[in-house]
N, C-alpha and C. Protein backbone atom coordinates (compact mmCIF):
# COMPACT_ATOMS: atom_id res chain seq x y z
N UNK A 1 103.82 285.65 41.69
CA UNK A 1 103.34 284.65 41.83
C UNK A 1 103.29 283.93 40.67
N UNK A 2 103.38 284.06 39.19
CA UNK A 2 104.22 283.35 38.15
C UNK A 2 105.29 282.01 38.46
N UNK A 3 106.21 282.36 40.05
CA UNK A 3 107.49 281.23 39.95
C UNK A 3 107.00 280.37 41.01
N UNK A 4 105.75 280.71 41.85
CA UNK A 4 105.16 279.29 42.21
C UNK A 4 104.56 278.36 41.74
N UNK A 5 103.77 279.08 41.12
CA UNK A 5 102.97 278.10 40.44
C UNK A 5 103.71 276.72 39.92
N UNK A 6 104.95 276.85 39.40
CA UNK A 6 105.56 275.60 38.90
C UNK A 6 105.58 274.96 40.07
N UNK A 7 106.16 275.61 41.18
CA UNK A 7 107.02 274.96 42.20
C UNK A 7 105.87 274.13 42.84
N UNK A 8 105.12 274.60 42.66
CA UNK A 8 103.11 273.83 43.61
C UNK A 8 102.97 272.22 42.44
N UNK A 9 102.97 272.87 41.24
CA UNK A 9 103.02 271.75 40.42
C UNK A 9 103.86 270.89 40.94
N UNK A 10 105.25 271.25 40.76
CA UNK A 10 106.40 270.11 41.43
C UNK A 10 106.10 269.43 42.38
N UNK A 11 105.98 270.18 43.28
CA UNK A 11 105.37 269.52 44.71
C UNK A 11 104.46 268.87 44.80
N UNK A 12 103.33 269.10 43.70
CA UNK A 12 102.50 268.09 43.55
C UNK A 12 102.33 266.66 42.64
N UNK A 13 103.15 267.19 42.52
CA UNK A 13 104.05 265.91 41.13
C UNK A 13 104.34 264.97 41.92
N UNK A 14 105.75 265.81 42.83
CA UNK A 14 105.82 264.85 43.67
C UNK A 14 105.51 264.29 44.77
N UNK A 15 104.92 264.47 44.86
CA UNK A 15 103.74 264.21 46.11
C UNK A 15 103.02 262.59 45.60
N UNK A 16 102.45 263.72 44.34
CA UNK A 16 101.84 262.14 43.28
C UNK A 16 102.91 260.65 43.21
N UNK A 17 103.87 261.09 42.72
CA UNK A 17 104.72 259.85 42.92
C UNK A 17 105.17 259.53 43.94
N UNK A 18 105.48 260.38 44.95
CA UNK A 18 105.94 260.02 46.32
C UNK A 18 104.20 258.69 47.33
N UNK A 19 103.14 259.30 46.79
CA UNK A 19 101.98 258.67 47.11
C UNK A 19 101.92 257.52 46.13
N UNK A 20 102.42 257.21 45.13
CA UNK A 20 102.49 255.92 43.79
C UNK A 20 103.80 255.30 44.21
N UNK A 21 104.42 255.86 44.77
CA UNK A 21 105.98 254.98 44.96
C UNK A 21 105.38 254.35 46.74
N UNK A 22 104.09 255.22 47.59
CA UNK A 22 103.99 254.34 48.72
C UNK A 22 102.86 253.31 48.35
N UNK A 23 102.11 253.49 47.61
CA UNK A 23 101.37 252.81 46.78
C UNK A 23 101.92 251.27 46.47
N UNK A 24 102.86 251.77 45.95
CA UNK A 24 102.96 250.34 44.98
C UNK A 24 103.95 249.69 46.17
N UNK A 25 104.78 250.58 47.69
CA UNK A 25 105.11 249.46 48.41
C UNK A 25 104.63 248.87 49.28
N UNK A 26 103.62 249.76 49.99
CA UNK A 26 102.32 249.20 49.87
C UNK A 26 101.76 247.83 49.31
N UNK A 27 101.28 247.97 48.25
CA UNK A 27 101.21 247.17 47.34
C UNK A 27 102.26 245.42 47.69
N UNK A 28 103.28 246.13 47.26
CA UNK A 28 104.99 245.07 47.25
C UNK A 28 104.80 244.38 48.52
N UNK A 29 104.76 245.21 49.72
CA UNK A 29 104.52 244.56 50.92
C UNK A 29 103.46 243.33 50.98
N UNK A 30 102.52 244.23 50.63
CA UNK A 30 101.06 243.11 50.65
C UNK A 30 101.55 241.60 50.13
N UNK A 31 102.08 242.21 48.44
CA UNK A 31 102.41 240.72 47.58
C UNK A 31 103.38 239.83 48.18
N UNK A 32 104.42 240.37 48.72
CA UNK A 32 104.98 240.01 49.54
C UNK A 32 104.60 238.83 50.76
N UNK A 33 104.00 239.73 51.75
CA UNK A 33 103.34 239.50 52.47
C UNK A 33 102.18 238.02 52.02
N UNK A 34 101.80 237.87 50.96
CA UNK A 34 100.51 237.56 50.74
C UNK A 34 101.72 235.85 49.78
N UNK A 35 102.72 236.34 49.25
CA UNK A 35 103.57 235.68 48.73
C UNK A 35 104.13 234.64 49.88
N UNK A 36 104.74 234.99 51.23
CA UNK A 36 105.06 234.42 51.92
C UNK A 36 103.85 233.60 52.70
N UNK A 37 102.58 234.07 52.63
CA UNK A 37 101.36 233.20 53.35
C UNK A 37 101.07 231.68 52.09
N UNK A 38 101.23 232.29 51.28
CA UNK A 38 101.23 231.10 49.64
C UNK A 38 102.10 230.31 49.84
N UNK A 39 103.14 230.64 50.37
CA UNK A 39 104.09 229.69 49.97
C UNK A 39 104.12 228.83 51.39
N UNK A 40 104.06 229.67 52.80
CA UNK A 40 104.07 228.85 53.69
C UNK A 40 102.82 228.09 53.28
N UNK A 41 101.53 227.75 53.10
CA UNK A 41 100.35 227.75 52.85
C UNK A 41 101.09 226.22 51.63
N UNK A 42 101.53 226.54 50.77
CA UNK A 42 102.22 226.10 49.78
C UNK A 42 103.10 224.74 50.13
N UNK A 43 103.77 225.49 50.97
CA UNK A 43 105.10 224.23 52.08
C UNK A 43 104.17 223.24 53.00
N UNK A 44 102.95 224.06 53.82
CA UNK A 44 102.48 222.91 54.19
C UNK A 44 101.60 222.05 53.35
N UNK A 45 101.02 222.86 52.39
CA UNK A 45 100.09 221.42 51.07
C UNK A 45 100.85 221.16 50.73
N UNK A 46 102.55 221.60 50.58
CA UNK A 46 103.38 219.97 49.73
C UNK A 46 103.62 218.74 50.58
N UNK A 47 103.54 219.71 51.78
CA UNK A 47 103.91 218.28 52.76
C UNK A 47 102.99 217.57 53.25
N UNK A 48 101.24 217.99 53.09
CA UNK A 48 100.27 217.21 53.71
C UNK A 48 100.70 216.31 52.24
N UNK A 49 100.83 216.89 51.14
CA UNK A 49 100.60 216.40 49.83
C UNK A 49 101.74 214.89 50.33
N UNK A 50 103.09 215.66 50.65
CA UNK A 50 104.12 214.26 50.36
C UNK A 50 103.72 213.15 51.87
N UNK A 51 103.03 213.67 52.59
CA UNK A 51 102.74 212.68 53.91
C UNK A 51 101.43 211.85 53.42
N UNK A 52 100.89 212.54 52.71
CA UNK A 52 99.32 211.70 51.73
C UNK A 52 100.02 210.75 50.77
N UNK A 53 100.94 211.15 50.04
CA UNK A 53 101.51 210.40 49.18
C UNK A 53 102.32 208.90 50.28
N UNK A 54 103.15 209.60 51.01
CA UNK A 54 103.89 208.45 51.68
C UNK A 54 103.04 207.56 52.08
N UNK A 55 101.68 208.43 52.45
CA UNK A 55 101.10 206.94 53.45
C UNK A 55 100.00 206.35 52.27
N UNK A 56 100.09 207.17 50.87
CA UNK A 56 98.87 206.53 50.06
C UNK A 56 100.22 204.77 49.08
N UNK A 57 101.57 205.58 49.56
CA UNK A 57 102.41 204.64 49.01
C UNK A 57 102.75 203.42 49.58
N UNK A 58 102.32 203.22 51.04
CA UNK A 58 102.40 202.62 52.08
C UNK A 58 101.54 201.72 52.20
N UNK A 59 100.67 202.37 51.64
CA UNK A 59 99.14 201.68 51.81
C UNK A 59 98.94 200.90 50.26
N UNK A 60 99.33 201.11 49.18
CA UNK A 60 99.51 200.53 48.30
C UNK A 60 100.25 199.50 48.65
N UNK A 61 101.77 199.19 49.36
CA UNK A 61 102.55 197.74 49.34
C UNK A 61 101.67 197.51 50.48
N UNK A 62 101.31 198.09 51.00
CA UNK A 62 99.81 196.82 51.83
C UNK A 62 99.33 196.25 51.04
N UNK A 63 98.55 197.09 50.33
CA UNK A 63 97.68 196.35 49.24
C UNK A 63 98.25 195.38 48.53
N UNK A 64 99.39 195.68 47.90
CA UNK A 64 99.66 194.90 46.91
C UNK A 64 100.53 193.42 47.70
N UNK A 65 100.59 193.52 48.89
CA UNK A 65 100.98 192.29 49.97
C UNK A 65 99.94 191.39 50.04
N UNK A 66 98.80 192.51 50.25
CA UNK A 66 97.16 191.83 50.61
C UNK A 66 97.12 190.99 49.32
N UNK A 67 97.07 191.97 48.30
CA UNK A 67 96.97 191.27 47.17
C UNK A 67 97.95 189.92 46.92
N UNK A 68 98.93 189.76 47.00
CA UNK A 68 100.20 188.80 46.74
C UNK A 68 99.81 187.36 47.91
N UNK A 69 99.20 188.13 48.85
CA UNK A 69 98.49 186.94 49.82
C UNK A 69 97.13 186.38 49.29
N UNK A 70 96.10 187.31 48.89
CA UNK A 70 95.37 186.59 48.40
C UNK A 70 95.45 186.21 47.23
N UNK A 71 96.60 186.21 46.44
CA UNK A 71 96.35 185.44 45.59
C UNK A 71 96.89 184.29 45.54
N UNK A 72 97.91 184.25 46.92
CA UNK A 72 98.44 182.96 47.18
C UNK A 72 97.04 182.23 47.75
N UNK A 73 96.13 182.80 48.22
CA UNK A 73 94.97 182.29 49.10
C UNK A 73 94.04 181.80 47.86
N UNK A 74 94.15 182.38 46.86
CA UNK A 74 93.23 181.96 46.18
C UNK A 74 94.19 180.64 45.55
N UNK A 75 95.35 180.85 44.82
CA UNK A 75 95.79 179.12 44.64
C UNK A 75 95.92 178.22 45.13
N UNK A 76 96.01 178.64 46.63
CA UNK A 76 95.43 177.38 47.44
C UNK A 76 94.56 176.55 47.43
N UNK A 77 93.23 177.90 47.53
CA UNK A 77 91.79 177.18 47.85
C UNK A 77 91.68 176.30 46.39
N UNK A 78 92.14 177.06 45.23
CA UNK A 78 92.30 176.66 44.08
C UNK A 78 92.99 175.12 43.81
N UNK A 79 94.06 174.84 44.38
CA UNK A 79 94.23 173.90 44.15
C UNK A 79 93.84 172.74 45.17
N UNK A 80 93.44 173.12 46.52
CA UNK A 80 92.17 172.51 47.37
C UNK A 80 91.14 172.01 46.67
N UNK A 81 90.46 172.64 46.19
CA UNK A 81 89.58 172.72 45.11
C UNK A 81 89.56 171.20 44.46
N UNK A 82 90.83 171.66 43.22
CA UNK A 82 91.05 170.79 42.39
C UNK A 82 91.59 169.09 43.17
N UNK A 83 91.81 169.37 44.10
CA UNK A 83 92.37 167.99 44.99
C UNK A 83 90.88 167.23 45.45
N UNK A 84 89.92 168.37 45.81
CA UNK A 84 89.06 167.70 46.39
C UNK A 84 88.22 167.00 45.13
N UNK A 85 88.51 168.14 44.16
CA UNK A 85 87.17 167.40 42.52
C UNK A 85 88.06 165.99 42.10
N UNK A 86 89.69 165.63 42.58
CA UNK A 86 90.56 164.62 41.95
C UNK A 86 89.28 163.25 42.92
N UNK A 87 89.47 163.76 44.22
CA UNK A 87 89.01 163.05 45.20
C UNK A 87 87.67 162.56 44.94
N UNK A 88 86.24 163.68 44.81
CA UNK A 88 85.45 163.05 44.56
C UNK A 88 85.35 162.27 42.92
N UNK A 89 85.90 162.44 41.94
CA UNK A 89 86.39 161.34 40.79
C UNK A 89 86.44 160.40 41.31
N UNK A 90 87.66 160.51 42.49
CA UNK A 90 88.32 158.49 42.78
C UNK A 90 86.68 158.50 43.48
N UNK A 91 86.31 158.71 44.12
CA UNK A 91 85.66 157.73 44.90
C UNK A 91 84.19 157.85 44.13
N UNK A 92 83.86 158.64 43.45
CA UNK A 92 82.81 157.97 42.38
C UNK A 92 83.34 156.96 42.06
N UNK A 93 84.53 156.95 40.75
CA UNK A 93 84.83 155.37 39.83
C UNK A 93 84.90 154.25 41.41
N UNK A 94 85.36 154.82 42.90
CA UNK A 94 84.83 153.31 43.43
C UNK A 94 83.70 153.34 43.81
N UNK A 95 82.66 154.16 43.79
CA UNK A 95 81.51 153.90 44.19
C UNK A 95 80.67 153.26 42.77
N UNK A 96 81.06 153.20 42.10
CA UNK A 96 80.80 152.98 40.60
C UNK A 96 80.93 151.52 40.40
N UNK A 97 82.82 151.50 40.77
CA UNK A 97 83.06 149.68 40.72
C UNK A 97 82.62 148.77 42.09
N UNK A 98 81.99 149.60 43.26
CA UNK A 98 81.80 148.98 44.38
C UNK A 98 79.87 148.64 44.11
N UNK A 99 79.41 149.85 43.15
CA UNK A 99 77.92 148.91 43.15
C UNK A 99 78.00 147.99 42.15
N UNK A 100 78.77 147.65 41.29
CA UNK A 100 78.94 146.94 40.25
C UNK A 100 79.56 145.51 40.97
N UNK A 101 80.55 145.48 41.80
CA UNK A 101 80.72 144.76 42.56
C UNK A 101 79.70 144.21 43.59
N UNK A 102 78.80 145.04 44.05
CA UNK A 102 77.30 144.68 44.96
C UNK A 102 76.48 143.84 44.13
N UNK A 103 76.16 144.37 42.89
CA UNK A 103 74.99 143.86 41.91
C UNK A 103 75.84 142.42 41.56
N UNK A 104 76.91 142.50 41.33
CA UNK A 104 77.34 140.66 41.10
C UNK A 104 77.01 140.29 42.21
N UNK A 105 77.43 140.87 43.53
CA UNK A 105 77.43 139.39 44.64
C UNK A 105 75.99 139.25 44.90
N UNK A 106 75.39 140.26 44.28
CA UNK A 106 73.00 140.06 44.69
C UNK A 106 72.88 138.98 43.43
N UNK A 107 73.59 138.88 42.66
CA UNK A 107 73.33 138.04 41.42
C UNK A 107 73.95 136.57 42.00
N UNK A 108 75.27 136.63 42.81
CA UNK A 108 75.81 135.28 43.18
C UNK A 108 74.62 134.75 44.12
N UNK A 109 74.21 135.59 45.17
CA UNK A 109 73.63 135.40 46.44
C UNK A 109 72.25 134.82 45.58
N UNK A 110 72.00 135.28 44.86
CA UNK A 110 70.32 134.36 43.85
C UNK A 110 70.90 133.21 43.66
N UNK A 111 71.85 133.47 42.49
CA UNK A 111 71.94 132.26 42.38
C UNK A 111 72.27 131.15 43.46
N UNK A 112 73.18 131.93 44.49
CA UNK A 112 73.51 129.79 45.52
C UNK A 112 72.00 130.30 46.18
N UNK A 113 71.26 130.99 46.62
CA UNK A 113 69.79 130.57 47.45
C UNK A 113 68.87 129.92 46.14
N UNK A 114 69.06 130.44 44.63
CA UNK A 114 68.74 128.88 44.21
C UNK A 114 68.83 127.11 44.07
N UNK A 115 70.01 127.55 43.96
CA UNK A 115 70.91 126.53 43.96
C UNK A 115 70.84 125.68 45.47
N UNK A 116 70.80 126.95 46.68
CA UNK A 116 70.12 126.18 47.97
C UNK A 116 68.77 125.17 47.68
N UNK A 117 68.05 126.39 47.28
CA UNK A 117 66.50 125.63 47.44
C UNK A 117 66.37 124.37 46.62
N UNK A 118 66.86 124.17 45.58
CA UNK A 118 67.52 122.88 44.92
C UNK A 118 67.57 121.65 45.23
N UNK A 119 68.85 122.78 45.96
CA UNK A 119 69.24 121.42 47.09
C UNK A 119 68.69 121.17 48.34
N UNK A 120 68.05 121.94 48.28
CA UNK A 120 67.07 121.24 49.72
C UNK A 120 65.80 120.53 49.04
N UNK A 121 65.51 121.12 48.21
CA UNK A 121 64.28 119.95 47.54
C UNK A 121 64.83 118.11 47.15
N UNK A 122 66.41 118.50 46.56
CA UNK A 122 66.70 117.52 46.02
C UNK A 122 66.95 116.38 47.44
N UNK A 123 67.42 117.02 48.72
CA UNK A 123 67.92 116.30 50.08
C UNK A 123 66.15 116.07 50.50
N UNK A 124 65.09 116.76 50.69
CA UNK A 124 63.67 116.71 50.81
C UNK A 124 63.49 115.40 50.10
N UNK A 125 64.00 115.04 48.74
CA UNK A 125 63.64 114.16 48.12
C UNK A 125 64.37 112.38 48.23
N UNK A 126 65.61 112.90 48.72
CA UNK A 126 65.87 111.47 48.96
C UNK A 126 65.73 111.46 50.58
N UNK A 127 65.33 112.57 51.19
CA UNK A 127 65.39 111.70 52.23
C UNK A 127 63.71 111.02 52.37
N UNK A 128 62.63 111.49 51.70
CA UNK A 128 61.38 110.77 51.12
C UNK A 128 61.98 109.27 50.62
N UNK A 129 62.74 109.28 49.80
CA UNK A 129 62.73 108.27 49.15
C UNK A 129 63.60 107.26 50.15
N UNK A 130 64.60 107.68 50.86
CA UNK A 130 65.58 107.14 51.51
C UNK A 130 64.20 106.25 52.40
N UNK A 131 63.55 107.21 53.61
CA UNK A 131 62.00 106.85 53.98
C UNK A 131 61.55 105.22 53.53
N UNK A 132 61.00 105.85 52.15
CA UNK A 132 60.03 104.89 51.62
C UNK A 132 61.07 103.28 51.68
N UNK A 133 62.96 103.59 50.81
CA UNK A 133 63.35 102.39 50.74
C UNK A 133 63.61 101.80 51.94
N UNK A 134 63.67 102.36 53.36
CA UNK A 134 63.63 101.94 54.52
C UNK A 134 62.46 101.23 55.39
N UNK A 135 61.49 101.75 54.78
CA UNK A 135 59.98 101.28 55.31
C UNK A 135 59.72 100.00 53.94
N UNK A 136 60.38 100.13 53.10
CA UNK A 136 60.31 98.49 52.03
C UNK A 136 61.40 97.83 52.38
N UNK A 137 62.10 98.32 53.04
CA UNK A 137 63.28 97.35 53.68
C UNK A 137 62.34 96.71 54.89
N UNK A 138 62.36 97.46 55.37
CA UNK A 138 61.69 96.60 57.21
C UNK A 138 60.47 95.74 56.02
N UNK A 139 59.91 96.31 55.39
CA UNK A 139 58.70 95.68 55.25
C UNK A 139 59.15 94.23 54.79
N UNK A 140 60.26 94.20 53.79
CA UNK A 140 60.78 92.91 53.11
C UNK A 140 61.21 92.44 54.23
N UNK A 141 62.47 92.83 55.11
CA UNK A 141 63.15 91.72 56.48
C UNK A 141 62.24 91.55 57.09
N UNK A 142 60.65 91.94 57.12
CA UNK A 142 59.60 91.35 58.12
C UNK A 142 58.93 89.90 57.43
N UNK A 143 58.87 90.30 55.55
CA UNK A 143 58.27 89.22 55.16
C UNK A 143 59.45 87.96 54.79
N UNK A 144 60.45 88.75 54.83
CA UNK A 144 61.45 87.26 55.07
C UNK A 144 61.63 86.57 56.27
N UNK A 145 61.85 87.80 57.14
CA UNK A 145 61.29 86.65 58.94
C UNK A 145 60.32 86.07 58.54
N UNK A 146 59.30 86.42 58.47
CA UNK A 146 58.29 85.80 58.59
C UNK A 146 58.05 84.04 57.52
N UNK A 147 58.57 84.52 56.65
CA UNK A 147 59.01 83.40 55.46
C UNK A 147 60.20 82.71 56.28
N UNK A 148 60.90 82.97 57.15
CA UNK A 148 62.11 81.91 57.91
C UNK A 148 61.19 81.24 58.53
N UNK A 149 60.45 81.75 59.50
CA UNK A 149 60.29 81.45 60.25
C UNK A 149 59.03 80.14 60.27
N UNK A 150 58.15 80.57 59.04
CA UNK A 150 57.73 79.73 58.25
C UNK A 150 58.16 78.14 58.08
N UNK A 151 59.35 78.73 57.27
CA UNK A 151 60.07 77.15 57.02
C UNK A 151 60.64 76.84 58.36
N UNK A 152 61.02 77.45 59.10
CA UNK A 152 61.52 77.06 60.38
C UNK A 152 60.28 75.91 60.82
N UNK A 153 59.29 76.42 60.93
CA UNK A 153 58.39 75.71 61.87
C UNK A 153 57.84 74.18 60.51
N UNK A 154 57.95 74.61 59.27
CA UNK A 154 58.00 73.30 58.33
C UNK A 154 59.06 72.38 59.00
N UNK A 155 59.95 72.57 58.92
CA UNK A 155 61.55 72.01 59.26
C UNK A 155 61.05 71.14 60.18
N UNK A 156 60.99 71.77 61.23
CA UNK A 156 60.61 71.03 62.42
C UNK A 156 59.36 70.38 62.55
N UNK A 157 58.08 70.44 62.17
CA UNK A 157 56.73 69.90 61.84
C UNK A 157 58.00 68.07 60.91
N UNK A 158 59.00 68.86 59.89
CA UNK A 158 59.69 67.71 59.17
C UNK A 158 60.58 66.91 59.80
N UNK A 159 61.25 67.44 60.97
CA UNK A 159 62.10 66.77 61.61
C UNK A 159 61.36 65.45 62.29
N UNK A 160 60.44 66.29 63.22
CA UNK A 160 59.42 65.52 64.15
C UNK A 160 59.00 64.44 63.25
N UNK A 161 58.41 64.66 61.66
CA UNK A 161 58.13 63.47 60.93
C UNK A 161 58.83 62.45 60.86
N UNK A 162 60.31 62.91 60.31
CA UNK A 162 61.33 62.35 60.39
C UNK A 162 61.96 61.05 61.36
N UNK A 163 62.18 62.49 62.60
CA UNK A 163 62.03 61.18 63.92
C UNK A 163 60.78 60.05 64.69
N UNK A 164 60.01 60.41 63.66
CA UNK A 164 58.92 59.30 64.44
C UNK A 164 59.13 58.14 62.85
N UNK A 165 59.50 58.54 61.38
CA UNK A 165 59.69 57.58 60.73
C UNK A 165 60.72 56.33 61.20
N UNK A 166 62.05 57.84 61.57
CA UNK A 166 62.94 56.67 62.16
C UNK A 166 62.65 55.46 63.21
N UNK A 167 62.29 56.29 64.11
CA UNK A 167 61.65 55.36 65.33
C UNK A 167 61.02 54.33 64.66
N UNK A 168 59.95 54.46 63.56
CA UNK A 168 58.94 53.89 63.28
C UNK A 168 59.79 52.33 62.33
N UNK A 169 60.79 53.00 61.77
CA UNK A 169 62.06 52.16 60.73
C UNK A 169 62.48 51.21 61.49
N UNK A 170 63.25 52.02 63.07
CA UNK A 170 63.62 51.17 63.61
C UNK A 170 62.77 49.97 64.57
N UNK A 171 61.84 50.38 64.58
CA UNK A 171 60.85 49.09 65.38
C UNK A 171 60.66 48.06 64.14
N UNK A 172 60.14 48.30 62.93
CA UNK A 172 60.09 47.46 61.81
C UNK A 172 61.78 46.77 62.01
N UNK A 173 62.43 47.37 61.87
CA UNK A 173 63.84 46.55 61.34
C UNK A 173 63.93 45.43 62.39
N UNK A 174 63.61 45.86 63.53
CA UNK A 174 63.71 44.84 64.85
C UNK A 174 62.42 43.68 65.01
N UNK A 175 61.43 44.57 64.32
CA UNK A 175 60.62 43.63 64.19
C UNK A 175 60.89 42.38 62.54
N UNK A 176 61.65 42.53 61.97
CA UNK A 176 61.77 42.43 60.85
C UNK A 176 62.69 41.43 61.26
N UNK A 177 64.13 41.90 62.30
CA UNK A 177 65.11 41.29 61.93
C UNK A 177 64.77 39.69 63.10
N UNK A 178 63.58 40.27 64.51
CA UNK A 178 63.57 39.30 65.19
C UNK A 178 62.34 38.17 64.15
N UNK A 179 61.87 38.25 63.61
CA UNK A 179 61.16 37.74 62.43
C UNK A 179 62.18 36.50 61.87
N UNK A 180 62.98 37.34 60.98
CA UNK A 180 63.83 36.62 60.49
C UNK A 180 64.99 35.60 61.31
N UNK A 181 64.98 36.31 62.64
CA UNK A 181 65.65 34.87 63.84
C UNK A 181 65.17 33.64 63.52
N UNK A 182 63.96 34.33 64.01
CA UNK A 182 63.20 32.93 64.27
C UNK A 182 62.96 32.19 63.30
N UNK A 183 62.94 32.54 61.36
CA UNK A 183 62.94 32.02 60.53
C UNK A 183 64.24 31.44 59.90
N UNK A 184 65.40 32.27 60.64
CA UNK A 184 66.89 31.41 60.61
C UNK A 184 67.27 32.00 59.01
N UNK A 185 66.98 33.53 58.67
CA UNK A 185 66.91 34.11 57.22
C UNK A 185 67.82 34.94 57.69
N UNK A 186 69.42 35.01 57.10
CA UNK A 186 69.74 36.50 57.10
C UNK A 186 69.31 37.97 57.37
N UNK A 187 69.44 39.06 57.96
CA UNK A 187 69.26 40.03 57.86
C UNK A 187 68.68 40.85 56.88
N UNK A 188 68.09 41.03 56.03
CA UNK A 188 68.08 42.19 55.17
C UNK A 188 68.66 43.64 55.22
N UNK A 189 68.78 44.01 56.53
CA UNK A 189 68.88 45.41 56.31
C UNK A 189 70.57 45.20 57.23
N UNK A 190 71.52 45.15 56.96
CA UNK A 190 72.62 44.94 57.54
C UNK A 190 73.84 46.31 57.77
N UNK A 191 73.22 47.33 57.08
CA UNK A 191 74.13 48.38 56.61
C UNK A 191 73.06 49.10 57.06
N UNK A 192 73.53 50.18 58.33
CA UNK A 192 72.61 51.27 58.75
C UNK A 192 72.40 52.19 57.67
N UNK A 193 71.44 52.93 57.86
CA UNK A 193 70.93 54.34 56.76
C UNK A 193 71.36 55.45 57.28
N UNK A 194 72.96 56.12 56.38
CA UNK A 194 73.31 56.69 57.26
C UNK A 194 72.66 58.78 55.98
N UNK A 195 72.21 58.28 55.11
CA UNK A 195 71.59 58.97 53.72
C UNK A 195 71.01 60.38 54.58
N UNK A 196 71.69 61.55 54.45
CA UNK A 196 71.30 62.74 55.01
C UNK A 196 69.89 62.77 54.64
N UNK A 197 68.94 63.07 55.39
CA UNK A 197 67.52 63.32 54.90
C UNK A 197 67.77 64.80 53.56
N UNK A 198 67.15 65.16 53.05
CA UNK A 198 66.99 66.30 51.95
C UNK A 198 66.58 67.39 52.56
N UNK A 199 65.62 67.42 54.00
CA UNK A 199 64.78 68.25 54.38
C UNK A 199 65.93 68.42 55.59
N UNK A 200 67.12 67.85 55.79
CA UNK A 200 68.06 68.54 56.94
C UNK A 200 68.91 69.67 55.87
N UNK A 201 69.18 69.14 55.13
CA UNK A 201 69.75 69.99 54.11
C UNK A 201 69.01 71.58 53.87
N UNK A 202 67.51 71.04 53.40
CA UNK A 202 67.01 72.60 53.16
C UNK A 202 67.04 73.09 54.60
N UNK A 203 67.26 72.76 55.67
CA UNK A 203 67.13 73.59 56.86
C UNK A 203 68.57 74.17 57.10
N UNK A 204 69.57 73.82 56.61
CA UNK A 204 70.95 74.32 56.83
C UNK A 204 70.99 75.38 56.30
N UNK A 205 70.82 74.98 54.75
CA UNK A 205 70.74 76.51 53.78
C UNK A 205 70.32 77.38 53.81
N UNK A 206 68.80 77.82 54.84
CA UNK A 206 67.80 78.51 55.21
C UNK A 206 68.46 79.40 56.36
N UNK A 207 69.15 78.19 57.11
CA UNK A 207 69.67 79.10 58.26
C UNK A 207 71.41 79.88 58.07
N UNK A 208 71.48 79.39 56.58
CA UNK A 208 72.76 80.37 56.49
C UNK A 208 72.54 81.84 55.60
N UNK A 209 71.31 81.78 55.54
CA UNK A 209 70.86 83.21 54.93
C UNK A 209 70.28 84.12 56.27
N UNK A 210 71.65 85.40 56.43
CA UNK A 210 71.60 86.24 57.32
C UNK A 210 70.34 87.16 57.24
N UNK A 211 70.16 87.12 58.47
CA UNK A 211 68.73 87.97 58.95
C UNK A 211 69.23 89.19 58.57
N UNK A 212 67.84 90.08 57.95
CA UNK A 212 68.25 91.94 57.40
C UNK A 212 68.69 92.08 56.17
N UNK A 213 69.47 90.81 55.06
CA UNK A 213 70.06 91.30 53.80
C UNK A 213 69.02 90.96 52.95
N UNK A 214 68.97 91.59 51.84
CA UNK A 214 68.18 90.88 50.54
C UNK A 214 67.38 91.59 50.48
N UNK A 215 66.40 91.67 49.83
CA UNK A 215 64.69 92.07 49.43
C UNK A 215 64.29 90.86 48.66
N UNK A 216 63.11 90.81 49.18
CA UNK A 216 61.40 89.54 48.38
C UNK A 216 61.28 90.46 47.72
N UNK A 217 61.55 90.00 46.34
CA UNK A 217 60.90 90.17 45.34
C UNK A 217 59.16 89.23 45.00
N UNK A 218 58.06 89.85 45.54
CA UNK A 218 56.77 89.23 45.21
C UNK A 218 56.31 88.99 44.01
């Protein structure tokens, strides 16, 4: 009985070792399977991460391009804004100069209007004076015509008187000559009286005055 006890113990120990070895082998297989699974998952995760990183890099590149395009657009907008601001400044200067010119034109128009009114008043006064002068001239002309007509009438009367006196003189001369012939005395009036009457000279002087010229001062 004694020799079998160690064998049993040895067999038990060997069995225990075998069990431990089997457990370890099982554990190693589990660990290897788990490691393989984790490796597969890690590879898949790595592939997904690489894909994601590539996608992010692509998005980043696209974002950079968009940022560059956006920066160019912003620069163009800034340049356009600066150009429009410069145009607005120039337009403001032109508006100011135009406003100054317009105010100057208004002042000029006001002065010309005032000058036109003054000229109109002067023209009206000149027309009134001209009308007065025309009326005065017509009045003077009428007075002069009346005086000329009166002088002509007076001269005509004087001519009639002179003709009557000449006829009376001729009659007297004939009477005197007849008496002298009867008495045998020479005729005292041998020469004819050819002196021009003063009234004729006055009539000629009046006829030389042009009608409608000059003013009669009362």
